[in-house]
Protein backbone atom coordinates (compact mmCIF):
# COMPACT_ATOMS: atom_id res chain seq x y z
CA MET A 1 27.39 19.01 8.37
CA GLY A 2 28.06 18.97 4.62
CA SER A 3 25.80 17.45 2.06
CA VAL A 4 26.20 13.92 0.75
CA ALA A 5 27.28 15.35 -2.59
CA ALA A 6 30.38 16.74 -0.89
CA GLN A 7 31.49 13.20 -0.06
CA GLY A 8 31.68 12.16 -3.72
CA SER A 9 29.34 11.14 -6.49
CA PRO A 10 26.17 9.56 -5.00
CA SER A 11 24.99 6.10 -5.99
CA ARG A 12 22.37 6.03 -8.73
CA PHE A 13 20.30 3.03 -7.62
CA GLU A 14 18.75 2.07 -4.27
CA ILE A 15 16.95 -1.16 -3.38
CA THR A 16 14.99 -1.27 -0.13
CA PRO A 17 13.25 -4.40 1.17
CA TYR A 18 11.07 -3.37 4.09
CA ALA A 19 8.76 -4.61 6.84
CA ALA A 20 5.73 -2.61 7.95
CA TYR A 21 2.57 -2.53 10.05
CA ARG A 22 -0.57 -1.40 8.20
CA ILE A 23 -3.81 -0.08 9.67
CA GLY A 24 -7.11 1.17 8.26
CA GLY A 25 -9.10 0.25 5.18
CA GLU A 26 -12.89 0.18 5.20
CA PHE A 27 -15.36 -0.45 2.36
CA GLU A 28 -18.47 1.71 2.65
CA PRO A 29 -21.61 -0.50 2.63
CA GLN A 30 -24.39 0.05 0.14
CA SER A 31 -27.22 2.06 1.68
CA ASP A 32 -29.84 -0.57 0.85
CA PRO A 33 -30.15 -2.66 4.05
CA ASP A 34 -31.42 -5.62 2.06
CA GLU A 35 -28.12 -5.85 0.18
CA ALA A 36 -25.61 -4.73 2.79
CA ASP A 37 -24.93 -4.98 6.46
CA ALA A 38 -28.04 -3.50 8.11
CA SER A 39 -25.97 -2.18 11.02
CA GLY A 40 -24.54 0.47 8.69
CA ARG A 41 -20.95 -0.27 9.67
CA GLY A 42 -18.26 -0.57 7.03
CA PHE A 43 -16.53 -3.74 5.95
CA GLU A 44 -13.11 -3.40 7.54
CA VAL A 45 -9.77 -4.66 6.31
CA HIS A 46 -7.94 -5.95 9.38
CA GLU A 47 -4.73 -4.27 10.45
CA GLY A 48 -1.54 -6.30 10.48
CA ASN A 49 1.96 -6.86 9.18
CA ALA A 50 2.95 -5.90 5.65
CA GLU A 51 6.07 -6.00 3.53
CA GLY A 52 7.40 -4.72 0.25
CA LEU A 53 10.24 -3.72 -2.01
CA ILE A 54 11.26 -0.28 -3.31
CA LEU A 55 13.56 0.55 -6.22
CA ASP A 56 14.78 4.16 -6.49
CA ILE A 57 16.73 5.59 -9.45
CA ARG A 58 18.40 8.96 -8.97
CA THR A 59 17.49 11.58 -11.57
CA SER A 60 19.86 13.97 -13.30
CA ALA A 61 18.63 16.74 -10.96
CA GLY A 62 20.47 14.99 -8.11
CA ASP A 63 17.97 15.77 -5.34
CA SER A 64 15.17 13.50 -6.59
CA GLN A 65 14.59 9.87 -7.57
CA TRP A 66 12.22 7.85 -9.70
CA GLU A 67 10.54 5.23 -7.51
CA VAL A 68 9.02 1.80 -8.23
CA LEU A 69 7.06 0.36 -5.29
CA TYR A 70 5.64 -3.08 -4.48
CA ALA A 71 3.69 -3.30 -1.22
CA HIS A 72 1.83 -6.36 0.10
CA GLN A 73 -0.41 -7.25 3.02
CA ASP A 74 -1.84 -10.68 3.83
CA THR A 75 -4.97 -9.88 5.83
CA GLU A 76 -8.70 -10.47 6.38
CA LEU A 77 -11.82 -8.61 5.25
CA GLU A 78 -15.07 -8.52 7.22
CA THR A 79 -18.01 -9.73 5.12
CA GLN A 80 -21.80 -9.62 4.98
CA PRO A 81 -23.62 -11.94 7.39
CA SER A 82 -25.14 -13.73 4.39
CA PHE A 83 -21.77 -14.55 2.82
CA VAL A 84 -20.83 -18.22 2.60
CA GLY A 85 -18.20 -19.57 4.94
CA ALA A 86 -16.69 -17.51 7.77
CA PRO A 87 -17.54 -13.90 8.80
CA THR A 88 -14.14 -12.86 7.44
CA LEU A 89 -12.47 -13.50 4.09
CA ASP A 90 -8.72 -14.07 3.76
CA ILE A 91 -7.42 -11.55 1.25
CA ASP A 92 -4.12 -10.35 -0.20
CA VAL A 93 -3.81 -6.60 -0.80
CA SER A 94 -1.00 -5.60 -3.16
CA HIS A 95 0.06 -2.25 -4.60
CA PHE A 96 2.19 -1.84 -7.74
CA GLN A 97 3.09 1.83 -8.14
CA PHE A 98 5.45 4.25 -9.85
CA GLY A 99 6.38 7.82 -8.92
CA GLY A 100 9.18 9.71 -7.28
CA THR A 101 10.86 11.00 -4.15
CA TYR A 102 12.39 14.33 -3.24
CA LEU A 103 15.47 14.29 -0.99
CA PHE A 104 16.37 17.10 1.41
CA GLU A 105 20.09 16.29 1.26
CA ASP A 106 21.27 19.70 2.45
CA PHE A 107 19.83 18.88 5.87
CA SER A 108 22.58 16.42 6.85
CA ALA A 109 25.02 13.92 5.39
CA ALA A 110 23.83 11.16 7.73
CA ILE A 111 20.10 11.95 8.15
CA VAL A 112 18.25 12.77 4.92
CA PRO A 113 14.50 13.60 5.11
CA PHE A 114 12.39 12.84 2.04
CA ILE A 115 8.84 12.87 0.67
CA ALA A 116 7.42 10.38 -1.85
CA LEU A 117 4.40 10.26 -4.17
CA THR A 118 3.45 7.26 -6.33
CA ALA A 119 0.42 5.97 -8.26
CA GLY A 120 -0.55 2.71 -9.92
CA LEU A 121 -2.61 -0.42 -9.30
CA ALA A 122 -4.14 -1.91 -6.15
CA ARG A 123 -5.03 -5.60 -6.34
CA PHE A 124 -7.42 -7.17 -3.78
CA GLU A 125 -7.16 -10.94 -4.21
CA PRO A 126 -9.41 -13.22 -2.12
CA GLU A 127 -8.15 -16.62 -1.04
CA LEU A 128 -11.39 -18.36 -1.99
CA ASP A 129 -12.05 -20.75 -4.87
CA GLY A 130 -14.32 -19.20 -7.48
CA ALA A 131 -13.91 -15.59 -6.30
CA GLU A 132 -12.10 -13.19 -8.63
CA ALA A 133 -9.57 -10.52 -7.68
CA GLU A 134 -10.47 -6.82 -7.95
CA ASN A 135 -8.08 -4.25 -9.45
CA TYR A 136 -8.31 -0.50 -8.77
CA PHE A 137 -6.35 2.68 -9.36
CA SER A 138 -4.35 3.55 -6.27
CA TRP A 139 -1.99 6.24 -5.05
CA SER A 140 0.28 6.74 -2.06
CA PHE A 141 1.97 9.62 -0.29
CA GLY A 142 4.63 9.31 2.37
CA GLY A 143 7.62 10.77 4.07
CA GLY A 144 10.44 9.84 6.37
CA VAL A 145 14.20 9.81 6.74
CA HIS A 146 17.18 7.93 5.39
CA LEU A 147 19.75 7.04 8.05
CA ARG A 148 22.98 6.64 6.08
CA ALA A 149 25.61 4.54 7.79
CA ASP A 150 27.85 4.98 4.75
CA ARG A 151 27.54 5.53 0.99
CA ARG A 152 26.41 1.96 0.30
CA ILE A 153 24.02 0.99 3.07
CA GLY A 154 21.50 2.62 5.38
CA VAL A 155 18.06 2.47 6.97
CA ARG A 156 14.82 3.95 5.63
CA LEU A 157 12.13 4.96 8.17
CA GLU A 158 8.81 5.99 6.63
CA ALA A 159 5.08 6.49 7.11
CA ARG A 160 2.86 6.18 4.03
CA VAL A 161 -0.83 6.61 3.20
CA PHE A 162 -2.44 4.43 0.51
CA GLY A 163 -5.69 5.34 -1.25
CA SER A 164 -7.64 3.01 -3.57
CA LEU A 165 -10.57 4.15 -5.76
CA ILE A 166 -13.46 1.69 -5.55
CA ASP A 167 -16.03 1.22 -8.32
CA ASP A 168 -19.46 2.74 -7.73
CA ASP A 169 -22.15 0.40 -6.31
CA SER A 170 -20.14 -2.80 -6.59
CA ALA A 171 -20.66 -6.34 -5.40
CA LEU A 172 -17.16 -7.64 -4.63
CA PHE A 173 -15.55 -11.06 -4.25
CA CYS A 174 -18.56 -13.02 -5.47
CA VAL A 175 -18.87 -16.78 -5.71
CA SER A 176 -21.29 -18.12 -8.32
CA SER A 177 -22.03 -21.81 -8.82
CA PRO A 178 -25.04 -24.14 -8.95
CA GLU A 179 -24.77 -24.50 -5.17
CA VAL A 180 -23.70 -20.98 -4.12
CA ASN A 181 -24.41 -17.44 -5.34
CA SER A 182 -23.08 -14.92 -2.83
CA CYS A 183 -20.85 -11.84 -2.56
CA ALA A 184 -18.56 -10.97 0.32
CA VAL A 185 -19.42 -7.23 0.35
CA VAL A 186 -21.73 -4.84 -1.51
CA VAL A 187 -20.33 -1.31 -1.46
CA GLU A 188 -20.95 2.19 -2.70
CA GLY A 189 -18.37 4.02 -4.80
CA ASP A 190 -15.73 5.29 -2.44
CA GLN A 191 -12.05 5.51 -1.68
CA ILE A 192 -10.50 3.39 1.02
CA TYR A 193 -7.41 4.51 2.93
CA GLN A 194 -4.69 2.54 4.67
CA VAL A 195 -1.67 3.80 6.58
CA GLU A 196 1.54 1.93 7.26
CA GLY A 197 4.71 2.57 9.21
CA ARG A 198 7.75 0.86 7.74
CA VAL A 199 11.43 0.24 8.25
CA GLY A 200 13.73 -0.96 5.48
CA VAL A 201 17.38 -1.66 4.78
CA VAL A 202 18.72 0.44 1.90
CA VAL A 203 21.41 -0.91 -0.41
CA ARG A 204 22.94 1.57 -2.89
CA PHE A 205 24.97 0.85 -5.99
C-alpha cells in the first residue's frame, strides 16, 4: 500500500484524548526499620484506570512530530503502619511532558507504527488536608500504532512506560500539626516505574 503522503498533504496537528489502564509503581522503603515498614516491602501505588490528552504537531521532516502529553491517574498509595488514618492514601499522579514521536508511515497508509519519547514533570498529589504534593522529573517511552480510518480521524493504540526520579532519603506526604506529626512513606532515593496500555481517538486538522 502507498504511504499517507501519497494521498495528499498530511494534517499538521493531532489531538488524542485517551483512556488507559496503569500498573506498577513502588516506592523503595528506607532501610532503617524504625523509620520504614519493617517487612521490607515497598510502598505500592495501586493499579487502575488512567486517562490523558496528547497534542502532536508534525515537524518539517514529515515523518516525526513534537508531542505534548498530559497523563493522570486517580489511585491509592500504601503507607507506613504508623501513618494517621487508613493504611492507604488517596493520591493523584499526573505527568506533564514534552518530546516527540517518530512515524513509520512507509509501512502502510492505514496502519502506522510509531515510537514516542517524552520528559517533564511528575506530580504526586495526596488527597489529605495538610499534606503537600511532591514534584519530580519524569520521562516516558512508548510505542504503538495509528489506525487511520481517514485523513481526519483514527485510533491510537499504545503501551507506555513512565519513570519518575525520587529524591534521596525522603519522607513523603507528611502531615504536621499540634495534634499530628506523621509521614505516609519514608523512602530511599530511587526511580519508580509505571506501565500503561491506552486507546485514544485521534482527531487531525
